[in-house]
Amino acid sequence: MRYCDDGSIEIDNNAAERALRAVALGRKNYLFAGSDAGGERAAAMYTLIGSAKLNGIDPEAYLSEALRRIADHPINRIEELLPWNLLPASTATVEAA
Protein backbone atom coordinates (compact mmCIF):
# COMPACT_ATOMS: atom_id res chain seq x y z
CA MET A 1 0.00 0.00 0.00
CA ARG A 2 3.02 2.30 0.36
CA TYR A 3 3.05 2.97 -3.40
CA CYS A 4 -0.42 4.58 -3.07
CA ASP A 5 1.09 7.31 -0.87
CA ASP A 6 4.22 7.89 -2.95
CA GLY A 7 3.95 7.89 -6.75
CA SER A 8 7.69 7.36 -7.23
CA ILE A 9 7.61 3.91 -5.60
CA GLU A 10 7.24 0.93 -7.91
CA ILE A 11 4.17 -1.25 -7.47
CA ASP A 12 6.30 -4.43 -7.63
CA ASN A 13 9.93 -5.48 -7.18
CA ASN A 14 10.48 -6.97 -10.63
CA ALA A 15 13.61 -4.86 -11.25
CA ALA A 16 15.28 -6.24 -8.11
CA GLU A 17 14.25 -9.79 -8.98
CA ARG A 18 15.64 -9.46 -12.52
CA ALA A 19 18.94 -8.18 -11.12
CA LEU A 20 19.23 -11.26 -8.88
CA ARG A 21 18.26 -13.74 -11.59
CA ALA A 22 21.88 -14.40 -12.61
CA VAL A 23 22.75 -15.30 -9.03
CA ALA A 24 19.86 -17.74 -8.79
CA LEU A 25 20.69 -19.36 -12.14
CA GLY A 26 24.34 -19.93 -11.23
CA ARG A 27 23.77 -21.10 -7.66
CA LYS A 28 25.14 -24.61 -8.28
CA ASN A 29 28.32 -23.18 -9.79
CA TYR A 30 28.99 -21.11 -6.68
CA LEU A 31 29.28 -24.28 -4.64
CA PHE A 32 32.77 -24.61 -6.08
CA ALA A 33 34.04 -21.15 -5.10
CA GLY A 34 36.75 -22.95 -3.09
CA SER A 35 36.09 -21.47 0.33
CA ASP A 36 33.95 -18.99 2.22
CA ALA A 37 36.47 -16.27 1.33
CA GLY A 38 36.21 -17.22 -2.35
CA GLY A 39 32.44 -16.94 -2.15
CA GLU A 40 32.73 -13.52 -0.54
CA ARG A 41 35.09 -12.35 -3.29
CA ALA A 42 32.69 -13.65 -5.94
CA ALA A 43 29.84 -11.78 -4.25
CA ALA A 44 31.90 -8.57 -4.24
CA MET A 45 32.63 -8.97 -7.97
CA TYR A 46 28.95 -9.61 -8.77
CA THR A 47 28.06 -6.50 -6.79
CA LEU A 48 30.53 -4.34 -8.73
CA ILE A 49 29.40 -5.75 -12.07
CA GLY A 50 25.73 -5.31 -11.19
CA SER A 51 26.33 -1.73 -10.00
CA ALA A 52 28.14 -0.89 -13.23
CA LYS A 53 25.24 -2.28 -15.28
CA LEU A 54 22.67 -0.33 -13.24
CA ASN A 55 24.66 2.87 -13.84
CA GLY A 56 24.82 2.30 -17.61
CA ILE A 57 28.54 1.50 -17.62
CA ASP A 58 30.14 -1.36 -19.53
CA PRO A 59 31.23 -3.74 -16.72
CA GLU A 60 34.32 -4.94 -18.59
CA ALA A 61 35.53 -1.38 -19.25
CA TYR A 62 34.79 -0.40 -15.65
CA LEU A 63 36.67 -3.35 -14.14
CA SER A 64 39.63 -2.81 -16.48
CA GLU A 65 39.88 0.84 -15.48
CA ALA A 66 39.37 0.18 -11.76
CA LEU A 67 42.01 -2.57 -11.71
CA ARG A 68 44.42 -0.36 -13.65
CA ARG A 69 44.08 2.44 -11.08
CA ILE A 70 43.69 0.54 -7.80
CA ALA A 71 47.37 -0.26 -7.14
CA ASP A 72 48.35 3.42 -6.82
CA HIS A 73 45.07 4.65 -5.34
CA PRO A 74 44.94 5.76 -1.67
CA ILE A 75 42.77 3.48 0.47
CA ASN A 76 41.04 6.43 2.16
CA ARG A 77 39.65 7.53 -1.24
CA ILE A 78 38.43 4.13 -2.45
CA GLU A 79 34.91 5.50 -3.11
CA GLU A 80 36.39 7.29 -6.14
CA LEU A 81 36.71 3.87 -7.81
CA LEU A 82 33.02 2.98 -7.49
CA PRO A 83 31.17 2.63 -10.82
CA TRP A 84 29.22 5.88 -10.54
CA ASN A 85 32.39 7.88 -9.72
CA LEU A 86 34.81 6.33 -12.22
CA LEU A 87 34.87 7.04 -15.92
CA PRO A 88 36.83 4.58 -18.05
CA ALA A 89 39.89 6.16 -19.70
CA SER A 90 38.37 5.95 -23.18
CA THR A 91 35.29 7.91 -22.03
CA ALA A 92 37.37 10.45 -20.10
CA THR A 93 39.56 11.24 -23.12
CA VAL A 94 36.53 11.69 -25.36
CA GLU A 95 34.89 14.12 -22.93
CA ALA A 96 38.14 16.04 -22.33
CA ALA A 97 38.67 16.68 -26.05
PDB file of N, CA and C in Angstrom:
ATOM      1  N   MET A   1       0.816  -1.199   0.000  1.00  0.00           N
ATOM      2  CA  MET A   1       0.000   0.000   0.000  1.00  0.00           C
ATOM      3  C   MET A   1       0.859   1.262   0.000  1.00  0.00           C
ATOM      4  N   ARG A   2       2.149   1.127   0.286  1.00  0.00           N
ATOM      5  CA  ARG A   2       3.023   2.302   0.364  1.00  0.00           C
ATOM      6  C   ARG A   2       3.059   3.046  -0.974  1.00  0.00           C
ATOM      7  N   TYR A   3       2.988   2.328  -2.086  1.00  0.00           N
ATOM      8  CA  TYR A   3       3.051   2.970  -3.398  1.00  0.00           C
ATOM      9  C   TYR A   3       1.853   3.887  -3.642  1.00  0.00           C
ATOM     10  N   CYS A   4       0.745   3.692  -2.927  1.00  0.00           N
ATOM     11  CA  CYS A   4      -0.422   4.579  -3.068  1.00  0.00           C
ATOM     12  C   CYS A   4      -0.135   5.972  -2.506  1.00  0.00           C
ATOM     13  N   ASP A   5       0.745   6.035  -1.491  1.00  0.00           N
ATOM     14  CA  ASP A   5       1.094   7.314  -0.867  1.00  0.00           C
ATOM     15  C   ASP A   5       2.199   8.048  -1.611  1.00  0.00           C
ATOM     16  N   ASP A   6       3.067   7.291  -2.271  1.00  0.00           N
ATOM     17  CA  ASP A   6       4.224   7.887  -2.951  1.00  0.00           C
ATOM     18  C   ASP A   6       4.255   7.392  -4.394  1.00  0.00           C
ATOM     19  N   GLY A   7       4.020   8.262  -5.336  1.00  0.00           N
ATOM     20  CA  GLY A   7       3.946   7.895  -6.747  1.00  0.00           C
ATOM     21  C   GLY A   7       5.263   7.454  -7.352  1.00  0.00           C
ATOM     22  N   SER A   8       6.397   7.741  -6.675  1.00  0.00           N
ATOM     23  CA  SER A   8       7.688   7.355  -7.228  1.00  0.00           C
ATOM     24  C   SER A   8       8.074   5.919  -6.880  1.00  0.00           C
ATOM     25  N   ILE A   9       7.318   5.278  -5.994  1.00  0.00           N
ATOM     26  CA  ILE A   9       7.615   3.905  -5.595  1.00  0.00           C
ATOM     27  C   ILE A   9       6.960   2.939  -6.580  1.00  0.00           C
ATOM     28  N   GLU A  10       7.749   1.937  -6.982  1.00  0.00           N
ATOM     29  CA  GLU A  10       7.237   0.925  -7.911  1.00  0.00           C
ATOM     30  C   GLU A  10       6.172   0.066  -7.229  1.00  0.00           C
ATOM     31  N   ILE A  11       5.236  -0.421  -8.009  1.00  0.00           N
ATOM     32  CA  ILE A  11       4.167  -1.254  -7.472  1.00  0.00           C
ATOM     33  C   ILE A  11       4.651  -2.685  -7.208  1.00  0.00           C
ATOM     34  N   ASP A  12       5.753  -3.090  -7.845  1.00  0.00           N
ATOM     35  CA  ASP A  12       6.300  -4.429  -7.627  1.00  0.00           C
ATOM     36  C   ASP A  12       7.822  -4.338  -7.530  1.00  0.00           C
ATOM     37  N   ASN A  13       8.470  -5.456  -7.296  1.00  0.00           N
ATOM     38  CA  ASN A  13       9.929  -5.476  -7.179  1.00  0.00           C
ATOM     39  C   ASN A  13      10.572  -6.262  -8.322  1.00  0.00           C
ATOM     40  N   ASN A  14       9.968  -6.214  -9.488  1.00  0.00           N
ATOM     41  CA  ASN A  14      10.478  -6.967 -10.632  1.00  0.00           C
ATOM     42  C   ASN A  14      11.902  -6.580 -11.006  1.00  0.00           C
ATOM     43  N   ALA A  15      12.250  -5.300 -10.894  1.00  0.00           N
ATOM     44  CA  ALA A  15      13.606  -4.864 -11.250  1.00  0.00           C
ATOM     45  C   ALA A  15      14.636  -5.536 -10.343  1.00  0.00           C
ATOM     46  N   ALA A  16      14.357  -5.596  -9.052  1.00  0.00           N
ATOM     47  CA  ALA A  16      15.279  -6.244  -8.114  1.00  0.00           C
ATOM     48  C   ALA A  16      15.365  -7.743  -8.395  1.00  0.00           C
ATOM     49  N   GLU A  17      14.249  -8.359  -8.698  1.00  0.00           N
ATOM     50  CA  GLU A  17      14.254  -9.794  -8.979  1.00  0.00           C
ATOM     51  C   GLU A  17      15.006 -10.102 -10.268  1.00  0.00           C
ATOM     52  N   ARG A  18      14.881  -9.258 -11.276  1.00  0.00           N
ATOM     53  CA  ARG A  18      15.638  -9.464 -12.523  1.00  0.00           C
ATOM     54  C   ARG A  18      17.130  -9.326 -12.272  1.00  0.00           C
ATOM     55  N   ALA A  19      17.521  -8.384 -11.415  1.00  0.00           N
ATOM     56  CA  ALA A  19      18.936  -8.182 -11.119  1.00  0.00           C
ATOM     57  C   ALA A  19      19.535  -9.394 -10.413  1.00  0.00           C
ATOM     58  N   LEU A  20      18.739 -10.090  -9.616  1.00  0.00           N
ATOM     59  CA  LEU A  20      19.228 -11.258  -8.879  1.00  0.00           C
ATOM     60  C   LEU A  20      19.096 -12.560  -9.651  1.00  0.00           C
ATOM     61  N   ARG A  21      18.508 -12.517 -10.821  1.00  0.00           N
ATOM     62  CA  ARG A  21      18.260 -13.738 -11.588  1.00  0.00           C
ATOM     63  C   ARG A  21      19.549 -14.481 -11.917  1.00  0.00           C
ATOM     64  N   ALA A  22      20.604 -13.754 -12.272  1.00  0.00           N
ATOM     65  CA  ALA A  22      21.876 -14.399 -12.606  1.00  0.00           C
ATOM     66  C   ALA A  22      22.439 -15.158 -11.416  1.00  0.00           C
ATOM     67  N   VAL A  23      22.273 -14.617 -10.239  1.00  0.00           N
ATOM     68  CA  VAL A  23      22.755 -15.297  -9.032  1.00  0.00           C
ATOM     69  C   VAL A  23      21.984 -16.591  -8.824  1.00  0.00           C
ATOM     70  N   ALA A  24      20.680 -16.543  -8.986  1.00  0.00           N
ATOM     71  CA  ALA A  24      19.862 -17.738  -8.791  1.00  0.00           C
ATOM     72  C   ALA A  24      20.172 -18.803  -9.849  1.00  0.00           C
ATOM     73  N   LEU A  25      20.409 -18.399 -11.077  1.00  0.00           N
ATOM     74  CA  LEU A  25      20.694 -19.363 -12.140  1.00  0.00           C
ATOM     75  C   LEU A  25      22.038 -20.054 -11.959  1.00  0.00           C
ATOM     76  N   GLY A  26      23.009 -19.347 -11.380  1.00  0.00           N
ATOM     77  CA  GLY A  26      24.342 -19.929 -11.230  1.00  0.00           C
ATOM     78  C   GLY A  26      24.614 -20.510  -9.860  1.00  0.00           C
ATOM     79  N   ARG A  27      23.597 -20.667  -9.051  1.00  0.00           N
ATOM     80  CA  ARG A  27      23.774 -21.101  -7.660  1.00  0.00           C
ATOM     81  C   ARG A  27      24.611 -22.378  -7.532  1.00  0.00           C
ATOM     82  N   LYS A  28      24.392 -23.357  -8.378  1.00  0.00           N
ATOM     83  CA  LYS A  28      25.145 -24.607  -8.279  1.00  0.00           C
ATOM     84  C   LYS A  28      26.622 -24.394  -8.584  1.00  0.00           C
ATOM     85  N   ASN A  29      26.923 -23.462  -9.465  1.00  0.00           N
ATOM     86  CA  ASN A  29      28.321 -23.183  -9.794  1.00  0.00           C
ATOM     87  C   ASN A  29      29.057 -22.553  -8.617  1.00  0.00           C
ATOM     88  N   TYR A  30      28.355 -21.805  -7.787  1.00  0.00           N
ATOM     89  CA  TYR A  30      28.994 -21.109  -6.678  1.00  0.00           C
ATOM     90  C   TYR A  30      29.396 -22.068  -5.574  1.00  0.00           C
ATOM     91  N   LEU A  31      28.903 -23.278  -5.612  1.00  0.00           N
ATOM     92  CA  LEU A  31      29.276 -24.285  -4.645  1.00  0.00           C
ATOM     93  C   LEU A  31      30.779 -24.543  -4.710  1.00  0.00           C
ATOM     94  N   PHE A  32      31.359 -24.320  -5.859  1.00  0.00           N
ATOM     95  CA  PHE A  32      32.767 -24.613  -6.077  1.00  0.00           C
ATOM     96  C   PHE A  32      33.628 -23.354  -6.042  1.00  0.00           C
ATOM     97  N   ALA A  33      33.252 -22.381  -5.233  1.00  0.00           N
ATOM     98  CA  ALA A  33      34.039 -21.150  -5.097  1.00  0.00           C
ATOM     99  C   ALA A  33      35.364 -21.426  -4.399  1.00  0.00           C
ATOM    100  N   GLY A  34      35.495 -22.570  -3.723  1.00  0.00           N
ATOM    101  CA  GLY A  34      36.750 -22.948  -3.094  1.00  0.00           C
ATOM    102  C   GLY A  34      36.727 -22.792  -1.590  1.00  0.00           C
ATOM    103  N   SER A  35      36.136 -21.708  -1.109  1.00  0.00           N
ATOM    104  CA  SER A  35      36.086 -21.469   0.334  1.00  0.00           C
ATOM    105  C   SER A  35      35.069 -20.363   0.597  1.00  0.00           C
ATOM    106  N   ASP A  36      34.848 -20.099   1.872  1.00  0.00           N
ATOM    107  CA  ASP A  36      33.954 -18.988   2.218  1.00  0.00           C
ATOM    108  C   ASP A  36      34.514 -17.670   1.702  1.00  0.00           C
ATOM    109  N   ALA A  37      35.831 -17.505   1.811  1.00  0.00           N
ATOM    110  CA  ALA A  37      36.468 -16.270   1.333  1.00  0.00           C
ATOM    111  C   ALA A  37      36.303 -16.137  -0.181  1.00  0.00           C
ATOM    112  N   GLY A  38      36.411 -17.255  -0.905  1.00  0.00           N
ATOM    113  CA  GLY A  38      36.208 -17.223  -2.350  1.00  0.00           C
ATOM    114  C   GLY A  38      34.789 -16.824  -2.707  1.00  0.00           C
ATOM    115  N   GLY A  39      33.838 -17.320  -1.938  1.00  0.00           N
ATOM    116  CA  GLY A  39      32.436 -16.945  -2.148  1.00  0.00           C
ATOM    117  C   GLY A  39      32.208 -15.470  -1.882  1.00  0.00           C
ATOM    118  N   GLU A  40      32.860 -14.943  -0.838  1.00  0.00           N
ATOM    119  CA  GLU A  40      32.725 -13.518  -0.537  1.00  0.00           C
ATOM    120  C   GLU A  40      33.342 -12.660  -1.633  1.00  0.00           C
ATOM    121  N   ARG A  41      34.459 -13.096  -2.184  1.00  0.00           N
ATOM    122  CA  ARG A  41      35.087 -12.353  -3.292  1.00  0.00           C
ATOM    123  C   ARG A  41      34.197 -12.387  -4.538  1.00  0.00           C
ATOM    124  N   ALA A  42      33.600 -13.538  -4.798  1.00  0.00           N
ATOM    125  CA  ALA A  42      32.692 -13.649  -5.943  1.00  0.00           C
ATOM    126  C   ALA A  42      31.488 -12.719  -5.753  1.00  0.00           C
ATOM    127  N   ALA A  43      30.970 -12.665  -4.538  1.00  0.00           N
ATOM    128  CA  ALA A  43      29.837 -11.781  -4.250  1.00  0.00           C
ATOM    129  C   ALA A  43      30.226 -10.318  -4.458  1.00  0.00           C
ATOM    130  N   ALA A  44      31.437  -9.944  -4.043  1.00  0.00           N
ATOM    131  CA  ALA A  44      31.905  -8.568  -4.243  1.00  0.00           C
ATOM    132  C   ALA A  44      32.009  -8.248  -5.730  1.00  0.00           C
ATOM    133  N   MET A  45      32.506  -9.200  -6.523  1.00  0.00           N
ATOM    134  CA  MET A  45      32.628  -8.971  -7.974  1.00  0.00           C
ATOM    135  C   MET A  45      31.251  -8.845  -8.615  1.00  0.00           C
ATOM    136  N   TYR A  46      30.312  -9.710  -8.234  1.00  0.00           N
ATOM    137  CA  TYR A  46      28.955  -9.611  -8.772  1.00  0.00           C
ATOM    138  C   TYR A  46      28.318  -8.274  -8.405  1.00  0.00           C
ATOM    139  N   THR A  47      28.604  -7.787  -7.210  1.00  0.00           N
ATOM    140  CA  THR A  47      28.062  -6.496  -6.786  1.00  0.00           C
ATOM    141  C   THR A  47      28.616  -5.370  -7.650  1.00  0.00           C
ATOM    142  N   LEU A  48      29.923  -5.378  -7.895  1.00  0.00           N
ATOM    143  CA  LEU A  48      30.528  -4.335  -8.731  1.00  0.00           C
ATOM    144  C   LEU A  48      30.010  -4.403 -10.168  1.00  0.00           C
ATOM    145  N   ILE A  49      29.900  -5.595 -10.704  1.00  0.00           N
ATOM    146  CA  ILE A  49      29.401  -5.753 -12.072  1.00  0.00           C
ATOM    147  C   ILE A  49      27.945  -5.310 -12.165  1.00  0.00           C
ATOM    148  N   GLY A  50      27.127  -5.714 -11.204  1.00  0.00           N
ATOM    149  CA  GLY A  50      25.726  -5.308 -11.190  1.00  0.00           C
ATOM    150  C   GLY A  50      25.569  -3.809 -11.032  1.00  0.00           C
ATOM    151  N   SER A  51      26.392  -3.188 -10.181  1.00  0.00           N
ATOM    152  CA  SER A  51      26.331  -1.735  -9.996  1.00  0.00           C
ATOM    153  C   SER A  51      26.725  -1.002 -11.271  1.00  0.00           C
ATOM    154  N   ALA A  52      27.735  -1.513 -11.961  1.00  0.00           N
ATOM    155  CA  ALA A  52      28.141  -0.894 -13.226  1.00  0.00           C
ATOM    156  C   ALA A  52      27.000  -0.969 -14.241  1.00  0.00           C
ATOM    157  N   LYS A  53      26.362  -2.122 -14.345  1.00  0.00           N
ATOM    158  CA  LYS A  53      25.235  -2.276 -15.279  1.00  0.00           C
ATOM    159  C   LYS A  53      24.099  -1.322 -14.943  1.00  0.00           C
ATOM    160  N   LEU A  54      23.763  -1.208 -13.651  1.00  0.00           N
ATOM    161  CA  LEU A  54      22.671  -0.325 -13.237  1.00  0.00           C
ATOM    162  C   LEU A  54      22.975   1.148 -13.506  1.00  0.00           C
ATOM    163  N   ASN A  55      24.263   1.481 -13.578  1.00  0.00           N
ATOM    164  CA  ASN A  55      24.658   2.866 -13.844  1.00  0.00           C
ATOM    165  C   ASN A  55      24.972   3.106 -15.323  1.00  0.00           C
ATOM    166  N   GLY A  56      24.633   2.132 -16.173  1.00  0.00           N
ATOM    167  CA  GLY A  56      24.816   2.303 -17.612  1.00  0.00           C
ATOM    168  C   GLY A  56      26.265   2.271 -18.060  1.00  0.00           C
ATOM    169  N   ILE A  57      27.113   1.578 -17.310  1.00  0.00           N
ATOM    170  CA  ILE A  57      28.538   1.497 -17.624  1.00  0.00           C
ATOM    171  C   ILE A  57      28.858   0.076 -18.062  1.00  0.00           C
ATOM    172  N   ASP A  58      29.697  -0.051 -19.076  1.00  0.00           N
ATOM    173  CA  ASP A  58      30.140  -1.364 -19.528  1.00  0.00           C
ATOM    174  C   ASP A  58      30.968  -2.007 -18.414  1.00  0.00           C
ATOM    175  N   PRO A  59      30.517  -3.131 -17.843  1.00  0.00           N
ATOM    176  CA  PRO A  59      31.231  -3.735 -16.719  1.00  0.00           C
ATOM    177  C   PRO A  59      32.684  -4.088 -17.030  1.00  0.00           C
ATOM    178  N   GLU A  60      32.952  -4.575 -18.237  1.00  0.00           N
ATOM    179  CA  GLU A  60      34.324  -4.943 -18.588  1.00  0.00           C
ATOM    180  C   GLU A  60      35.224  -3.717 -18.613  1.00  0.00           C
ATOM    181  N   ALA A  61      34.746  -2.618 -19.207  1.00  0.00           N
ATOM    182  CA  ALA A  61      35.534  -1.383 -19.248  1.00  0.00           C
ATOM    183  C   ALA A  61      35.733  -0.827 -17.842  1.00  0.00           C
ATOM    184  N   TYR A  62      34.685  -0.899 -17.021  1.00  0.00           N
ATOM    185  CA  TYR A  62      34.789  -0.403 -15.648  1.00  0.00           C
ATOM    186  C   TYR A  62      35.827  -1.188 -14.858  1.00  0.00           C
ATOM    187  N   LEU A  63      35.729  -2.535 -14.891  1.00  0.00           N
ATOM    188  CA  LEU A  63      36.675  -3.349 -14.136  1.00  0.00           C
ATOM    189  C   LEU A  63      38.102  -3.166 -14.630  1.00  0.00           C
ATOM    190  N   SER A  64      38.293  -3.046 -15.937  1.00  0.00           N
ATOM    191  CA  SER A  64      39.630  -2.811 -16.479  1.00  0.00           C
ATOM    192  C   SER A  64      40.216  -1.514 -15.945  1.00  0.00           C
ATOM    193  N   GLU A  65      39.417  -0.461 -15.957  1.00  0.00           N
ATOM    194  CA  GLU A  65      39.881   0.841 -15.481  1.00  0.00           C
ATOM    195  C   GLU A  65      40.121   0.831 -13.973  1.00  0.00           C
ATOM    196  N   ALA A  66      39.212   0.226 -13.209  1.00  0.00           N
ATOM    197  CA  ALA A  66      39.370   0.179 -11.757  1.00  0.00           C
ATOM    198  C   ALA A  66      40.608  -0.627 -11.366  1.00  0.00           C
ATOM    199  N   LEU A  67      40.834  -1.763 -12.015  1.00  0.00           N
ATOM    200  CA  LEU A  67      42.010  -2.573 -11.707  1.00  0.00           C
ATOM    201  C   LEU A  67      43.299  -1.884 -12.131  1.00  0.00           C
ATOM    202  N   ARG A  68      43.239  -1.108 -13.206  1.00  0.00           N
ATOM    203  CA  ARG A  68      44.422  -0.361 -13.645  1.00  0.00           C
ATOM    204  C   ARG A  68      44.807   0.701 -12.618  1.00  0.00           C
ATOM    205  N   ARG A  69      43.831   1.335 -12.005  1.00  0.00           N
ATOM    206  CA  ARG A  69      44.080   2.439 -11.076  1.00  0.00           C
ATOM    207  C   ARG A  69      44.290   2.016  -9.628  1.00  0.00           C
ATOM    208  N   ILE A  70      43.788   0.864  -9.221  1.00  0.00           N
ATOM    209  CA  ILE A  70      43.690   0.542  -7.800  1.00  0.00           C
ATOM    210  C   ILE A  70      45.040   0.403  -7.094  1.00  0.00           C
ATOM    211  N   ALA A  71      46.071  -0.045  -7.782  1.00  0.00           N
ATOM    212  CA  ALA A  71      47.370  -0.258  -7.136  1.00  0.00           C
ATOM    213  C   ALA A  71      47.953   1.036  -6.566  1.00  0.00           C
ATOM    214  N   ASP A  72      47.781   2.146  -7.257  1.00  0.00           N
ATOM    215  CA  ASP A  72      48.348   3.419  -6.817  1.00  0.00           C
ATOM    216  C   ASP A  72      47.338   4.312  -6.121  1.00  0.00           C
ATOM    217  N   HIS A  73      46.141   3.815  -5.896  1.00  0.00           N
ATOM    218  CA  HIS A  73      45.069   4.645  -5.338  1.00  0.00           C
ATOM    219  C   HIS A  73      45.082   4.593  -3.809  1.00  0.00           C
ATOM    220  N   PRO A  74      44.961   5.752  -3.143  1.00  0.00           N
ATOM    221  CA  PRO A  74      44.936   5.758  -1.672  1.00  0.00           C
ATOM    222  C   PRO A  74      43.687   5.058  -1.129  1.00  0.00           C
ATOM    223  N   ILE A  75      43.866   4.263  -0.098  1.00  0.00           N
ATOM    224  CA  ILE A  75      42.770   3.480   0.467  1.00  0.00           C
ATOM    225  C   ILE A  75      41.685   4.375   1.067  1.00  0.00           C
ATOM    226  N   ASN A  76      42.046   5.547   1.549  1.00  0.00           N
ATOM    227  CA  ASN A  76      41.045   6.427   2.157  1.00  0.00           C
ATOM    228  C   ASN A  76      40.186   7.148   1.123  1.00  0.00           C
ATOM    229  N   ARG A  77      40.471   6.939  -0.170  1.00  0.00           N
ATOM    230  CA  ARG A  77      39.653   7.532  -1.239  1.00  0.00           C
ATOM    231  C   ARG A  77      39.121   6.450  -2.178  1.00  0.00           C
ATOM    232  N   ILE A  78      38.856   5.271  -1.632  1.00  0.00           N
ATOM    233  CA  ILE A  78      38.428   4.127  -2.446  1.00  0.00           C
ATOM    234  C   ILE A  78      37.076   4.360  -3.109  1.00  0.00           C
ATOM    235  N   GLU A  79      36.227   5.224  -2.521  1.00  0.00           N
ATOM    236  CA  GLU A  79      34.914   5.498  -3.110  1.00  0.00           C
ATOM    237  C   GLU A  79      35.027   6.136  -4.488  1.00  0.00           C
ATOM    238  N   GLU A  80      36.178   6.714  -4.809  1.00  0.00           N
ATOM    239  CA  GLU A  80      36.389   7.290  -6.143  1.00  0.00           C
ATOM    240  C   GLU A  80      36.418   6.213  -7.221  1.00  0.00           C
ATOM    241  N   LEU A  81      36.644   4.968  -6.845  1.00  0.00           N
ATOM    242  CA  LEU A  81      36.715   3.871  -7.813  1.00  0.00           C
ATOM    243  C   LEU A  81      35.390   3.140  -7.989  1.00  0.00           C
ATOM    244  N   LEU A  82      34.331   3.593  -7.321  1.00  0.00           N
ATOM    245  CA  LEU A  82      33.024   2.979  -7.494  1.00  0.00           C
ATOM    246  C   LEU A  82      32.473   3.306  -8.880  1.00  0.00           C
ATOM    247  N   PRO A  83      31.623   2.455  -9.423  1.00  0.00           N
ATOM    248  CA  PRO A  83      31.174   2.626 -10.815  1.00  0.00           C
ATOM    249  C   PRO A  83      30.609   4.008 -11.134  1.00  0.00           C
ATOM    250  N   TRP A  84      29.840   4.596 -10.240  1.00  0.00           N
ATOM    251  CA  TRP A  84      29.222   5.884 -10.539  1.00  0.00           C
ATOM    252  C   TRP A  84      30.191   7.049 -10.403  1.00  0.00           C
ATOM    253  N   ASN A  85      31.390   6.821  -9.855  1.00  0.00           N
ATOM    254  CA  ASN A  85      32.387   7.879  -9.721  1.00  0.00           C
ATOM    255  C   ASN A  85      33.540   7.741 -10.705  1.00  0.00           C
ATOM    256  N   LEU A  86      33.651   6.613 -11.371  1.00  0.00           N
ATOM    257  CA  LEU A  86      34.807   6.331 -12.218  1.00  0.00           C
ATOM    258  C   LEU A  86      34.407   6.291 -13.680  1.00  0.00           C
ATOM    259  N   LEU A  87      35.072   7.094 -14.475  1.00  0.00           N
ATOM    260  CA  LEU A  87      34.865   7.041 -15.918  1.00  0.00           C
ATOM    261  C   LEU A  87      36.011   6.251 -16.537  1.00  0.00           C
ATOM    262  N   PRO A  88      35.737   5.276 -17.376  1.00  0.00           N
ATOM    263  CA  PRO A  88      36.833   4.576 -18.053  1.00  0.00           C
ATOM    264  C   PRO A  88      37.680   5.563 -18.860  1.00  0.00           C
ATOM    265  N   ALA A  89      38.944   5.251 -19.032  1.00  0.00           N
ATOM    266  CA  ALA A  89      39.892   6.158 -19.698  1.00  0.00           C
ATOM    267  C   ALA A  89      39.413   6.553 -21.088  1.00  0.00           C
ATOM    268  N   SER A  90      38.827   5.625 -21.830  1.00  0.00           N
ATOM    269  CA  SER A  90      38.368   5.951 -23.185  1.00  0.00           C
ATOM    270  C   SER A  90      37.250   6.996 -23.148  1.00  0.00           C
ATOM    271  N   THR A  91      36.364   6.932 -22.162  1.00  0.00           N
ATOM    272  CA  THR A  91      35.292   7.908 -22.034  1.00  0.00           C
ATOM    273  C   THR A  91      35.855   9.246 -21.582  1.00  0.00           C
ATOM    274  N   ALA A  92      36.800   9.215 -20.637  1.00  0.00           N
ATOM    275  CA  ALA A  92      37.374  10.447 -20.099  1.00  0.00           C
ATOM    276  C   ALA A  92      38.109  11.227 -21.187  1.00  0.00           C
ATOM    277  N   THR A  93      38.826  10.535 -22.084  1.00  0.00           N
ATOM    278  CA  THR A  93      39.560  11.243 -23.115  1.00  0.00           C
ATOM    279  C   THR A  93      38.614  11.836 -24.153  1.00  0.00           C
ATOM    280  N   VAL A  94      37.504  11.166 -24.412  1.00  0.00           N
ATOM    281  CA  VAL A  94      36.527  11.691 -25.364  1.00  0.00           C
ATOM    282  C   VAL A  94      35.894  12.957 -24.810  1.00  0.00           C
ATOM    283  N   GLU A  95      35.541  12.962 -23.530  1.00  0.00           N
ATOM    284  CA  GLU A  95      34.893  14.118 -22.926  1.00  0.00           C
ATOM    285  C   GLU A  95      35.872  15.284 -22.760  1.00  0.00           C
ATOM    286  N   ALA A  96      37.159  14.982 -22.529  1.00  0.00           N
ATOM    287  CA  ALA A  96      38.144  16.042 -22.331  1.00  0.00           C
ATOM    288  C   ALA A  96      38.463  16.757 -23.632  1.00  0.00           C
ATOM    289  N   ALA A  97      38.315  16.093 -24.744  1.00  0.00           N
ATOM    290  CA  ALA A  97      38.674  16.676 -26.051  1.00  0.00           C
ATOM    291  C   ALA A  97      37.687  17.695 -26.536  1.00  0.00           C
TER     292      ALA A  97
END
